[in-house]
Amino acid sequence: MTMTDNWIEVGTINDIPRQGARVVRHNDGDIAVFRTNEDKIFALRDKCPHKGGPLSQGLVHDNKVTCPLHNWNISLDTGLAVAPDEGCAARYPIKLEGDKVFLSLAQQKD
């Protein structure tokens, strides 16, 4: 990982498995960087809002991840739990430059 301004290079898009995740370790908590089957990239706190399960170990489908502990679905777009569940996982900005993936450690605000 290299750091450019406020962005951390986490690797190339091919370093993240399709329909899977790569974990970025950080002092404030782990961040899961997800890749969908359509090669969309998202980053969420690696902690389910329900019981704190590791979202990085969940199943990625559409633009959601299913927590491996209790099958809660979390939107990768918003970080929100899909109804009827409630809660939110913090989101982090991602950018692609060529095939390189960069992560900002500043939580994304709406």
PDB file of N, CA and C in Angstrom:
ATOM      1  N   MET A   1       0.838  -1.181   0.000  1.00  0.00           N
ATOM      2  CA  MET A   1       0.000   0.000   0.000  1.00  0.00           C
ATOM      3  C   MET A   1       0.880   1.241   0.000  1.00  0.00           C
ATOM      4  N   THR A   2       0.559   2.178  -0.837  1.00  0.00           N
ATOM      5  CA  THR A   2       1.242   3.463  -0.833  1.00  0.00           C
ATOM      6  C   THR A   2       0.216   4.553  -0.589  1.00  0.00           C
ATOM      7  N   MET A   3       0.689   5.697  -0.074  1.00  0.00           N
ATOM      8  CA  MET A   3      -0.226   6.789   0.246  1.00  0.00           C
ATOM      9  C   MET A   3       0.068   7.982  -0.646  1.00  0.00           C
ATOM     10  N   THR A   4      -0.961   8.546  -1.259  1.00  0.00           N
ATOM     11  CA  THR A   4      -0.857   9.741  -2.081  1.00  0.00           C
ATOM     12  C   THR A   4      -1.852  10.743  -1.531  1.00  0.00           C
ATOM     13  N   ASP A   5      -1.356  11.876  -0.975  1.00  0.00           N
ATOM     14  CA  ASP A   5      -2.218  12.852  -0.311  1.00  0.00           C
ATOM     15  C   ASP A   5      -3.060  12.117   0.734  1.00  0.00           C
ATOM     16  N   ASN A   6      -4.373  12.142   0.595  1.00  0.00           N
ATOM     17  CA  ASN A   6      -5.248  11.458   1.554  1.00  0.00           C
ATOM     18  C   ASN A   6      -5.728  10.112   1.037  1.00  0.00           C
ATOM     19  N   TRP A   7      -5.180   9.664  -0.066  1.00  0.00           N
ATOM     20  CA  TRP A   7      -5.612   8.409  -0.682  1.00  0.00           C
ATOM     21  C   TRP A   7      -4.553   7.339  -0.473  1.00  0.00           C
ATOM     22  N   ILE A   8      -5.009   6.124  -0.185  1.00  0.00           N
ATOM     23  CA  ILE A   8      -4.123   4.971  -0.032  1.00  0.00           C
ATOM     24  C   ILE A   8      -4.333   4.056  -1.228  1.00  0.00           C
ATOM     25  N   GLU A   9      -3.246   3.670  -1.876  1.00  0.00           N
ATOM     26  CA  GLU A   9      -3.349   2.681  -2.955  1.00  0.00           C
ATOM     27  C   GLU A   9      -3.463   1.310  -2.310  1.00  0.00           C
ATOM     28  N   VAL A  10      -4.547   0.601  -2.627  1.00  0.00           N
ATOM     29  CA  VAL A  10      -4.772  -0.711  -2.023  1.00  0.00           C
ATOM     30  C   VAL A  10      -4.402  -1.857  -2.953  1.00  0.00           C
ATOM     31  N   GLY A  11      -4.017  -1.548  -4.170  1.00  0.00           N
ATOM     32  CA  GLY A  11      -3.625  -2.568  -5.140  1.00  0.00           C
ATOM     33  C   GLY A  11      -4.351  -2.351  -6.449  1.00  0.00           C
ATOM     34  N   THR A  12      -4.346  -3.378  -7.272  1.00  0.00           N
ATOM     35  CA  THR A  12      -5.049  -3.295  -8.549  1.00  0.00           C
ATOM     36  C   THR A  12      -6.433  -3.917  -8.399  1.00  0.00           C
ATOM     37  N   ILE A  13      -7.280  -3.636  -9.362  1.00  0.00           N
ATOM     38  CA  ILE A  13      -8.630  -4.203  -9.331  1.00  0.00           C
ATOM     39  C   ILE A  13      -8.570  -5.731  -9.321  1.00  0.00           C
ATOM     40  N   ASN A  14      -7.555  -6.308  -9.968  1.00  0.00           N
ATOM     41  CA  ASN A  14      -7.434  -7.766 -10.005  1.00  0.00           C
ATOM     42  C   ASN A  14      -6.953  -8.363  -8.687  1.00  0.00           C
ATOM     43  N   ASP A  15      -6.485  -7.513  -7.753  1.00  0.00           N
ATOM     44  CA  ASP A  15      -6.118  -7.992  -6.421  1.00  0.00           C
ATOM     45  C   ASP A  15      -7.350  -8.260  -5.560  1.00  0.00           C
ATOM     46  N   ILE A  16      -8.494  -7.750  -5.998  1.00  0.00           N
ATOM     47  CA  ILE A  16      -9.752  -7.942  -5.267  1.00  0.00           C
ATOM     48  C   ILE A  16     -10.567  -8.976  -6.040  1.00  0.00           C
ATOM     49  N   PRO A  17     -10.892 -10.102  -5.418  1.00  0.00           N
ATOM     50  CA  PRO A  17     -11.643 -11.125  -6.156  1.00  0.00           C
ATOM     51  C   PRO A  17     -13.037 -10.645  -6.543  1.00  0.00           C
ATOM     52  N   ARG A  18     -13.488 -11.033  -7.737  1.00  0.00           N
ATOM     53  CA  ARG A  18     -14.872 -10.730  -8.131  1.00  0.00           C
ATOM     54  C   ARG A  18     -15.816 -11.353  -7.120  1.00  0.00           C
ATOM     55  N   GLN A  19     -16.837 -10.595  -6.762  1.00  0.00           N
ATOM     56  CA  GLN A  19     -17.824 -11.007  -5.764  1.00  0.00           C
ATOM     57  C   GLN A  19     -17.157 -11.326  -4.424  1.00  0.00           C
ATOM     58  N   GLY A  20     -16.083 -10.573  -4.134  1.00  0.00           N
ATOM     59  CA  GLY A  20     -15.357 -10.762  -2.890  1.00  0.00           C
ATOM     60  C   GLY A  20     -14.822  -9.447  -2.367  1.00  0.00           C
ATOM     61  N   ALA A  21     -13.885  -9.546  -1.430  1.00  0.00           N
ATOM     62  CA  ALA A  21     -13.361  -8.352  -0.782  1.00  0.00           C
ATOM     63  C   ALA A  21     -11.897  -8.528  -0.413  1.00  0.00           C
ATOM     64  N   ARG A  22     -11.275  -7.397  -0.174  1.00  0.00           N
ATOM     65  CA  ARG A  22      -9.922  -7.332   0.367  1.00  0.00           C
ATOM     66  C   ARG A  22      -9.999  -6.415   1.584  1.00  0.00           C
ATOM     67  N   VAL A  23      -9.305  -6.767   2.652  1.00  0.00           N
ATOM     68  CA  VAL A  23      -9.356  -5.984   3.885  1.00  0.00           C
ATOM     69  C   VAL A  23      -8.147  -5.062   3.965  1.00  0.00           C
ATOM     70  N   VAL A  24      -8.423  -3.800   4.284  1.00  0.00           N
ATOM     71  CA  VAL A  24      -7.373  -2.822   4.549  1.00  0.00           C
ATOM     72  C   VAL A  24      -7.366  -2.604   6.057  1.00  0.00           C
ATOM     73  N   ARG A  25      -6.252  -2.931   6.689  1.00  0.00           N
ATOM     74  CA  ARG A  25      -6.124  -2.775   8.137  1.00  0.00           C
ATOM     75  C   ARG A  25      -5.796  -1.320   8.456  1.00  0.00           C
ATOM     76  N   HIS A  26      -6.489  -0.773   9.459  1.00  0.00           N
ATOM     77  CA  HIS A  26      -6.276   0.620   9.849  1.00  0.00           C
ATOM     78  C   HIS A  26      -6.457   0.727  11.359  1.00  0.00           C
ATOM     79  N   ASN A  27      -5.750   1.663  11.969  1.00  0.00           N
ATOM     80  CA  ASN A  27      -5.834   1.841  13.423  1.00  0.00           C
ATOM     81  C   ASN A  27      -7.260   2.068  13.909  1.00  0.00           C
ATOM     82  N   ASP A  28      -8.081   2.733  13.112  1.00  0.00           N
ATOM     83  CA  ASP A  28      -9.457   3.031  13.501  1.00  0.00           C
ATOM     84  C   ASP A  28     -10.430   1.899  13.188  1.00  0.00           C
ATOM     85  N   GLY A  29      -9.945   0.802  12.654  1.00  0.00           N
ATOM     86  CA  GLY A  29     -10.798  -0.329  12.308  1.00  0.00           C
ATOM     87  C   GLY A  29     -10.595  -0.762  10.870  1.00  0.00           C
ATOM     88  N   ASP A  30     -10.845  -2.027  10.598  1.00  0.00           N
ATOM     89  CA  ASP A  30     -10.645  -2.575   9.258  1.00  0.00           C
ATOM     90  C   ASP A  30     -11.684  -2.035   8.282  1.00  0.00           C
ATOM     91  N   ILE A  31     -11.251  -1.898   7.023  1.00  0.00           N
ATOM     92  CA  ILE A  31     -12.118  -1.445   5.941  1.00  0.00           C
ATOM     93  C   ILE A  31     -12.122  -2.535   4.881  1.00  0.00           C
ATOM     94  N   ALA A  32     -13.312  -2.942   4.451  1.00  0.00           N
ATOM     95  CA  ALA A  32     -13.452  -3.956   3.408  1.00  0.00           C
ATOM     96  C   ALA A  32     -13.640  -3.256   2.064  1.00  0.00           C
ATOM     97  N   VAL A  33     -12.817  -3.631   1.092  1.00  0.00           N
ATOM     98  CA  VAL A  33     -12.930  -3.099  -0.268  1.00  0.00           C
ATOM     99  C   VAL A  33     -13.516  -4.219  -1.120  1.00  0.00           C
ATOM    100  N   PHE A  34     -14.721  -3.992  -1.643  1.00  0.00           N
ATOM    101  CA  PHE A  34     -15.488  -5.010  -2.362  1.00  0.00           C
ATOM    102  C   PHE A  34     -15.409  -4.805  -3.867  1.00  0.00           C
ATOM    103  N   ARG A  35     -15.533  -5.914  -4.595  1.00  0.00           N
ATOM    104  CA  ARG A  35     -15.615  -5.885  -6.064  1.00  0.00           C
ATOM    105  C   ARG A  35     -16.817  -6.721  -6.483  1.00  0.00           C
ATOM    106  N   THR A  36     -17.695  -6.116  -7.263  1.00  0.00           N
ATOM    107  CA  THR A  36     -18.863  -6.846  -7.754  1.00  0.00           C
ATOM    108  C   THR A  36     -18.494  -7.632  -9.011  1.00  0.00           C
ATOM    109  N   ASN A  37     -19.422  -8.430  -9.473  1.00  0.00           N
ATOM    110  CA  ASN A  37     -19.221  -9.191 -10.703  1.00  0.00           C
ATOM    111  C   ASN A  37     -19.085  -8.269 -11.911  1.00  0.00           C
ATOM    112  N   GLU A  38     -19.628  -7.039 -11.788  1.00  0.00           N
ATOM    113  CA  GLU A  38     -19.547  -6.048 -12.871  1.00  0.00           C
ATOM    114  C   GLU A  38     -18.330  -5.135 -12.704  1.00  0.00           C
ATOM    115  N   ASP A  39     -17.416  -5.489 -11.797  1.00  0.00           N
ATOM    116  CA  ASP A  39     -16.176  -4.744 -11.517  1.00  0.00           C
ATOM    117  C   ASP A  39     -16.411  -3.380 -10.891  1.00  0.00           C
ATOM    118  N   LYS A  40     -17.540  -3.198 -10.213  1.00  0.00           N
ATOM    119  CA  LYS A  40     -17.744  -1.987  -9.415  1.00  0.00           C
ATOM    120  C   LYS A  40     -17.012  -2.185  -8.088  1.00  0.00           C
ATOM    121  N   ILE A  41     -16.411  -1.111  -7.582  1.00  0.00           N
ATOM    122  CA  ILE A  41     -15.631  -1.175  -6.355  1.00  0.00           C
ATOM    123  C   ILE A  41     -16.294  -0.296  -5.291  1.00  0.00           C
ATOM    124  N   PHE A  42     -16.393  -0.828  -4.065  1.00  0.00           N
ATOM    125  CA  PHE A  42     -16.994  -0.124  -2.937  1.00  0.00           C
ATOM    126  C   PHE A  42     -16.136  -0.375  -1.699  1.00  0.00           C
ATOM    127  N   ALA A  43     -16.242   0.518  -0.715  1.00  0.00           N
ATOM    128  CA  ALA A  43     -15.532   0.321   0.551  1.00  0.00           C
ATOM    129  C   ALA A  43     -16.467   0.624   1.717  1.00  0.00           C
ATOM    130  N   LEU A  44     -16.522  -0.307   2.661  1.00  0.00           N
ATOM    131  CA  LEU A  44     -17.327  -0.170   3.874  1.00  0.00           C
ATOM    132  C   LEU A  44     -16.483  -0.573   5.073  1.00  0.00           C
ATOM    133  N   ARG A  45     -16.844  -0.037   6.243  1.00  0.00           N
ATOM    134  CA  ARG A  45     -16.251  -0.535   7.486  1.00  0.00           C
ATOM    135  C   ARG A  45     -16.517  -2.033   7.521  1.00  0.00           C
ATOM    136  N   ASP A  46     -15.512  -2.808   7.896  1.00  0.00           N
ATOM    137  CA  ASP A  46     -15.631  -4.270   7.888  1.00  0.00           C
ATOM    138  C   ASP A  46     -16.327  -4.753   9.158  1.00  0.00           C
ATOM    139  N   LYS A  47     -17.523  -4.210   9.382  1.00  0.00           N
ATOM    140  CA  LYS A  47     -18.258  -4.527  10.604  1.00  0.00           C
ATOM    141  C   LYS A  47     -19.750  -4.372  10.335  1.00  0.00           C
ATOM    142  N   CYS A  48     -20.469  -5.474  10.403  1.00  0.00           N
ATOM    143  CA  CYS A  48     -21.917  -5.430  10.192  1.00  0.00           C
ATOM    144  C   CYS A  48     -22.572  -4.597  11.294  1.00  0.00           C
ATOM    145  N   PRO A  49     -23.554  -3.751  10.939  1.00  0.00           N
ATOM    146  CA  PRO A  49     -24.217  -2.940  11.957  1.00  0.00           C
ATOM    147  C   PRO A  49     -25.074  -3.755  12.932  1.00  0.00           C
ATOM    148  N   HIS A  50     -25.299  -5.020  12.638  1.00  0.00           N
ATOM    149  CA  HIS A  50     -26.133  -5.858  13.495  1.00  0.00           C
ATOM    150  C   HIS A  50     -25.343  -6.361  14.699  1.00  0.00           C
ATOM    151  N   LYS A  51     -24.387  -7.248  14.471  1.00  0.00           N
ATOM    152  CA  LYS A  51     -23.620  -7.866  15.559  1.00  0.00           C
ATOM    153  C   LYS A  51     -22.112  -7.754  15.342  1.00  0.00           C
ATOM    154  N   GLY A  52     -21.698  -6.906  14.387  1.00  0.00           N
ATOM    155  CA  GLY A  52     -20.266  -6.679  14.189  1.00  0.00           C
ATOM    156  C   GLY A  52     -19.558  -7.735  13.366  1.00  0.00           C
ATOM    157  N   GLY A  53     -20.292  -8.557  12.650  1.00  0.00           N
ATOM    158  CA  GLY A  53     -19.679  -9.595  11.821  1.00  0.00           C
ATOM    159  C   GLY A  53     -18.800  -9.003  10.723  1.00  0.00           C
ATOM    160  N   PRO A  54     -17.792  -9.763  10.271  1.00  0.00           N
ATOM    161  CA  PRO A  54     -16.878  -9.280   9.233  1.00  0.00           C
ATOM    162  C   PRO A  54     -17.531  -9.307   7.851  1.00  0.00           C
ATOM    163  N   LEU A  55     -17.942  -8.149   7.360  1.00  0.00           N
ATOM    164  CA  LEU A  55     -18.595  -8.082   6.049  1.00  0.00           C
ATOM    165  C   LEU A  55     -17.689  -8.585   4.935  1.00  0.00           C
ATOM    166  N   SER A  56     -16.374  -8.464   5.111  1.00  0.00           N
ATOM    167  CA  SER A  56     -15.430  -8.915   4.080  1.00  0.00           C
ATOM    168  C   SER A  56     -15.534 -10.415   3.828  1.00  0.00           C
ATOM    169  N   GLN A  57     -16.094 -11.158   4.767  1.00  0.00           N
ATOM    170  CA  GLN A  57     -16.248 -12.604   4.605  1.00  0.00           C
ATOM    171  C   GLN A  57     -17.631 -12.984   4.076  1.00  0.00           C
ATOM    172  N   GLY A  58     -18.436 -11.972   3.760  1.00  0.00           N
ATOM    173  CA  GLY A  58     -19.787 -12.216   3.274  1.00  0.00           C
ATOM    174  C   GLY A  58     -19.843 -12.449   1.778  1.00  0.00           C
ATOM    175  N   LEU A  59     -21.031 -12.781   1.299  1.00  0.00           N
ATOM    176  CA  LEU A  59     -21.269 -13.014  -0.121  1.00  0.00           C
ATOM    177  C   LEU A  59     -21.648 -11.706  -0.800  1.00  0.00           C
ATOM    178  N   VAL A  60     -20.960 -11.371  -1.893  1.00  0.00           N
ATOM    179  CA  VAL A  60     -21.260 -10.169  -2.670  1.00  0.00           C
ATOM    180  C   VAL A  60     -22.185 -10.562  -3.812  1.00  0.00           C
ATOM    181  N   HIS A  61     -23.309  -9.855  -3.924  1.00  0.00           N
ATOM    182  CA  HIS A  61     -24.282 -10.118  -4.987  1.00  0.00           C
ATOM    183  C   HIS A  61     -24.948  -8.802  -5.335  1.00  0.00           C
ATOM    184  N   ASP A  62     -25.170  -8.590  -6.631  1.00  0.00           N
ATOM    185  CA  ASP A  62     -25.687  -7.304  -7.097  1.00  0.00           C
ATOM    186  C   ASP A  62     -24.800  -6.214  -6.487  1.00  0.00           C
ATOM    187  N   ASN A  63     -25.374  -5.220  -5.842  1.00  0.00           N
ATOM    188  CA  ASN A  63     -24.586  -4.193  -5.151  1.00  0.00           C
ATOM    189  C   ASN A  63     -24.797  -4.315  -3.646  1.00  0.00           C
ATOM    190  N   LYS A  64     -24.784  -5.562  -3.167  1.00  0.00           N
ATOM    191  CA  LYS A  64     -24.997  -5.841  -1.748  1.00  0.00           C
ATOM    192  C   LYS A  64     -23.970  -6.858  -1.262  1.00  0.00           C
ATOM    193  N   VAL A  65     -23.811  -6.896   0.067  1.00  0.00           N
ATOM    194  CA  VAL A  65     -23.030  -7.956   0.695  1.00  0.00           C
ATOM    195  C   VAL A  65     -23.908  -8.554   1.793  1.00  0.00           C
ATOM    196  N   THR A  66     -23.874  -9.879   1.922  1.00  0.00           N
ATOM    197  CA  THR A  66     -24.627 -10.568   2.961  1.00  0.00           C
ATOM    198  C   THR A  66     -23.673 -10.924   4.090  1.00  0.00           C
ATOM    199  N   CYS A  67     -23.981 -10.450   5.292  1.00  0.00           N
ATOM    200  CA  CYS A  67     -23.140 -10.725   6.450  1.00  0.00           C
ATOM    201  C   CYS A  67     -23.098 -12.233   6.704  1.00  0.00           C
ATOM    202  N   PRO A  68     -21.896 -12.779   6.978  1.00  0.00           N
ATOM    203  CA  PRO A  68     -21.787 -14.222   7.180  1.00  0.00           C
ATOM    204  C   PRO A  68     -22.379 -14.710   8.504  1.00  0.00           C
ATOM    205  N   LEU A  69     -22.651 -13.805   9.449  1.00  0.00           N
ATOM    206  CA  LEU A  69     -23.156 -14.256  10.747  1.00  0.00           C
ATOM    207  C   LEU A  69     -24.662 -14.487  10.770  1.00  0.00           C
ATOM    208  N   HIS A  70     -25.445 -13.508  10.319  1.00  0.00           N
ATOM    209  CA  HIS A  70     -26.899 -13.609  10.446  1.00  0.00           C
ATOM    210  C   HIS A  70     -27.642 -13.255   9.161  1.00  0.00           C
ATOM    211  N   ASN A  71     -26.919 -13.262   8.040  1.00  0.00           N
ATOM    212  CA  ASN A  71     -27.516 -13.059   6.712  1.00  0.00           C
ATOM    213  C   ASN A  71     -28.173 -11.699   6.504  1.00  0.00           C
ATOM    214  N   TRP A  72     -27.719 -10.679   7.200  1.00  0.00           N
ATOM    215  CA  TRP A  72     -28.200  -9.332   6.908  1.00  0.00           C
ATOM    216  C   TRP A  72     -27.615  -8.902   5.581  1.00  0.00           C
ATOM    217  N   ASN A  73     -28.414  -8.231   4.759  1.00  0.00           N
ATOM    218  CA  ASN A  73     -27.940  -7.678   3.488  1.00  0.00           C
ATOM    219  C   ASN A  73     -27.642  -6.196   3.674  1.00  0.00           C
ATOM    220  N   ILE A  74     -26.448  -5.791   3.258  1.00  0.00           N
ATOM    221  CA  ILE A  74     -26.000  -4.404   3.374  1.00  0.00           C
ATOM    222  C   ILE A  74     -25.761  -3.874   1.965  1.00  0.00           C
ATOM    223  N   SER A  75     -26.336  -2.719   1.660  1.00  0.00           N
ATOM    224  CA  SER A  75     -26.134  -2.085   0.355  1.00  0.00           C
ATOM    225  C   SER A  75     -24.705  -1.563   0.260  1.00  0.00           C
ATOM    226  N   LEU A  76     -24.006  -1.939  -0.797  1.00  0.00           N
ATOM    227  CA  LEU A  76     -22.652  -1.430  -1.008  1.00  0.00           C
ATOM    228  C   LEU A  76     -22.678   0.035  -1.439  1.00  0.00           C
ATOM    229  N   ASP A  77     -23.774   0.462  -2.067  1.00  0.00           N
ATOM    230  CA  ASP A  77     -23.917   1.861  -2.501  1.00  0.00           C
ATOM    231  C   ASP A  77     -24.048   2.817  -1.320  1.00  0.00           C
ATOM    232  N   THR A  78     -24.852   2.424  -0.326  1.00  0.00           N
ATOM    233  CA  THR A  78     -25.206   3.339   0.763  1.00  0.00           C
ATOM    234  C   THR A  78     -24.673   2.926   2.127  1.00  0.00           C
ATOM    235  N   GLY A  79     -24.331   1.651   2.296  1.00  0.00           N
ATOM    236  CA  GLY A  79     -23.945   1.137   3.602  1.00  0.00           C
ATOM    237  C   GLY A  79     -25.133   0.772   4.473  1.00  0.00           C
ATOM    238  N   LEU A  80     -26.349   1.039   3.989  1.00  0.00           N
ATOM    239  CA  LEU A  80     -27.557   0.778   4.772  1.00  0.00           C
ATOM    240  C   LEU A  80     -27.965  -0.691   4.714  1.00  0.00           C
ATOM    241  N   ALA A  81     -28.463  -1.187   5.841  1.00  0.00           N
ATOM    242  CA  ALA A  81     -29.047  -2.523   5.863  1.00  0.00           C
ATOM    243  C   ALA A  81     -30.321  -2.496   5.026  1.00  0.00           C
ATOM    244  N   VAL A  82     -30.563  -3.579   4.301  1.00  0.00           N
ATOM    245  CA  VAL A  82     -31.751  -3.689   3.455  1.00  0.00           C
ATOM    246  C   VAL A  82     -32.933  -4.080   4.342  1.00  0.00           C
ATOM    247  N   ALA A  83     -34.076  -3.399   4.157  1.00  0.00           N
ATOM    248  CA  ALA A  83     -35.287  -3.653   4.950  1.00  0.00           C
ATOM    249  C   ALA A  83     -35.652  -5.134   4.892  1.00  0.00           C
ATOM    250  N   PRO A  84     -36.135  -5.707   5.964  1.00  0.00           N
ATOM    251  CA  PRO A  84     -36.642  -5.041   7.155  1.00  0.00           C
ATOM    252  C   PRO A  84     -35.560  -4.715   8.188  1.00  0.00           C
ATOM    253  N   ASP A  85     -34.308  -5.079   7.927  1.00  0.00           N
ATOM    254  CA  ASP A  85     -33.238  -4.802   8.878  1.00  0.00           C
ATOM    255  C   ASP A  85     -32.895  -3.318   8.867  1.00  0.00           C
ATOM    256  N   GLU A  86     -32.312  -2.844   9.969  1.00  0.00           N
ATOM    257  CA  GLU A  86     -31.966  -1.433  10.091  1.00  0.00           C
ATOM    258  C   GLU A  86     -30.548  -1.296  10.619  1.00  0.00           C
ATOM    259  N   GLY A  87     -29.847  -0.301  10.131  1.00  0.00           N
ATOM    260  CA  GLY A  87     -28.485  -0.029  10.561  1.00  0.00           C
ATOM    261  C   GLY A  87     -27.668   0.434   9.374  1.00  0.00           C
ATOM    262  N   CYS A  88     -26.440   0.841   9.641  1.00  0.00           N
ATOM    263  CA  CYS A  88     -25.607   1.377   8.572  1.00  0.00           C
ATOM    264  C   CYS A  88     -24.138   1.082   8.853  1.00  0.00           C
ATOM    265  N   ALA A  89     -23.424   0.646   7.836  1.00  0.00           N
ATOM    266  CA  ALA A  89     -21.971   0.481   7.897  1.00  0.00           C
ATOM    267  C   ALA A  89     -21.348   1.714   7.244  1.00  0.00           C
ATOM    268  N   ALA A  90     -20.331   2.274   7.875  1.00  0.00           N
ATOM    269  CA  ALA A  90     -19.674   3.470   7.330  1.00  0.00           C
ATOM    270  C   ALA A  90     -19.105   3.175   5.947  1.00  0.00           C
ATOM    271  N   ARG A  91     -19.247   4.170   5.039  1.00  0.00           N
ATOM    272  CA  ARG A  91     -18.717   4.049   3.674  1.00  0.00           C
ATOM    273  C   ARG A  91     -17.461   4.900   3.542  1.00  0.00           C
ATOM    274  N   TYR A  92     -16.605   4.497   2.608  1.00  0.00           N
ATOM    275  CA  TYR A  92     -15.365   5.220   2.337  1.00  0.00           C
ATOM    276  C   TYR A  92     -15.244   5.464   0.842  1.00  0.00           C
ATOM    277  N   PRO A  93     -14.763   6.652   0.456  1.00  0.00           N
ATOM    278  CA  PRO A  93     -14.586   6.950  -0.971  1.00  0.00           C
ATOM    279  C   PRO A  93     -13.539   6.039  -1.610  1.00  0.00           C
ATOM    280  N   ILE A  94     -13.817   5.663  -2.841  1.00  0.00           N
ATOM    281  CA  ILE A  94     -12.930   4.833  -3.661  1.00  0.00           C
ATOM    282  C   ILE A  94     -12.742   5.543  -4.990  1.00  0.00           C
ATOM    283  N   LYS A  95     -11.551   5.447  -5.559  1.00  0.00           N
ATOM    284  CA  LYS A  95     -11.356   5.919  -6.932  1.00  0.00           C
ATOM    285  C   LYS A  95     -10.439   4.949  -7.652  1.00  0.00           C
ATOM    286  N   LEU A  96     -10.636   4.871  -8.956  1.00  0.00           N
ATOM    287  CA  LEU A  96      -9.810   4.040  -9.823  1.00  0.00           C
ATOM    288  C   LEU A  96      -8.986   4.947 -10.716  1.00  0.00           C
ATOM    289  N   GLU A  97      -7.708   4.622 -10.845  1.00  0.00           N
ATOM    290  CA  GLU A  97      -6.828   5.288 -11.805  1.00  0.00           C
ATOM    291  C   GLU A  97      -6.192   4.175 -12.619  1.00  0.00           C
ATOM    292  N   GLY A  98      -6.702   3.995 -13.835  1.00  0.00           N
ATOM    293  CA  GLY A  98      -6.290   2.827 -14.611  1.00  0.00           C
ATOM    294  C   GLY A  98      -6.826   1.602 -13.905  1.00  0.00           C
ATOM    295  N   ASP A  99      -5.939   0.647 -13.601  1.00  0.00           N
ATOM    296  CA  ASP A  99      -6.389  -0.540 -12.866  1.00  0.00           C
ATOM    297  C   ASP A  99      -6.063  -0.450 -11.373  1.00  0.00           C
ATOM    298  N   LYS A 100      -5.524   0.690 -10.916  1.00  0.00           N
ATOM    299  CA  LYS A 100      -5.176   0.868  -9.506  1.00  0.00           C
ATOM    300  C   LYS A 100      -6.380   1.376  -8.715  1.00  0.00           C
ATOM    301  N   VAL A 101      -6.557   0.797  -7.522  1.00  0.00           N
ATOM    302  CA  VAL A 101      -7.661   1.149  -6.637  1.00  0.00           C
ATOM    303  C   VAL A 101      -7.109   1.978  -5.481  1.00  0.00           C
ATOM    304  N   PHE A 102      -7.746   3.130  -5.237  1.00  0.00           N
ATOM    305  CA  PHE A 102      -7.354   4.014  -4.147  1.00  0.00           C
ATOM    306  C   PHE A 102      -8.521   4.174  -3.185  1.00  0.00           C
ATOM    307  N   LEU A 103      -8.192   4.247  -1.891  1.00  0.00           N
ATOM    308  CA  LEU A 103      -9.164   4.372  -0.812  1.00  0.00           C
ATOM    309  C   LEU A 103      -8.841   5.619  -0.004  1.00  0.00           C
ATOM    310  N   SER A 104      -9.868   6.409   0.303  1.00  0.00           N
ATOM    311  CA  SER A 104      -9.717   7.530   1.230  1.00  0.00           C
ATOM    312  C   SER A 104     -10.151   7.054   2.609  1.00  0.00           C
ATOM    313  N   LEU A 105      -9.383   7.416   3.639  1.00  0.00           N
ATOM    314  CA  LEU A 105      -9.731   7.006   4.996  1.00  0.00           C
ATOM    315  C   LEU A 105     -10.775   7.913   5.635  1.00  0.00           C
ATOM    316  N   ALA A 106     -11.184   8.961   4.928  1.00  0.00           N
ATOM    317  CA  ALA A 106     -12.242   9.851   5.419  1.00  0.00           C
ATOM    318  C   ALA A 106     -13.591   9.214   5.121  1.00  0.00           C
ATOM    319  N   GLN A 107     -14.410   9.012   6.161  1.00  0.00           N
ATOM    320  CA  GLN A 107     -15.726   8.422   5.938  1.00  0.00           C
ATOM    321  C   GLN A 107     -16.533   9.302   5.009  1.00  0.00           C
ATOM    322  N   GLN A 108     -17.278   8.656   4.130  1.00  0.00           N
ATOM    323  CA  GLN A 108     -18.092   9.367   3.141  1.00  0.00           C
ATOM    324  C   GLN A 108     -19.336   9.921   3.808  1.00  0.00           C
ATOM    325  N   LYS A 109     -19.647  11.175   3.533  1.00  0.00           N
ATOM    326  CA  LYS A 109     -20.839  11.832   4.086  1.00  0.00           C
ATOM    327  C   LYS A 109     -21.842  12.059   2.970  1.00  0.00           C
ATOM    328  N   ASP A 110     -23.122  11.993   3.311  1.00  0.00           N
ATOM    329  CA  ASP A 110     -24.177  12.277   2.326  1.00  0.00           C
ATOM    330  C   ASP A 110     -24.779  13.626   2.575  1.00  0.00           C
TER     331      ASP A 110
END
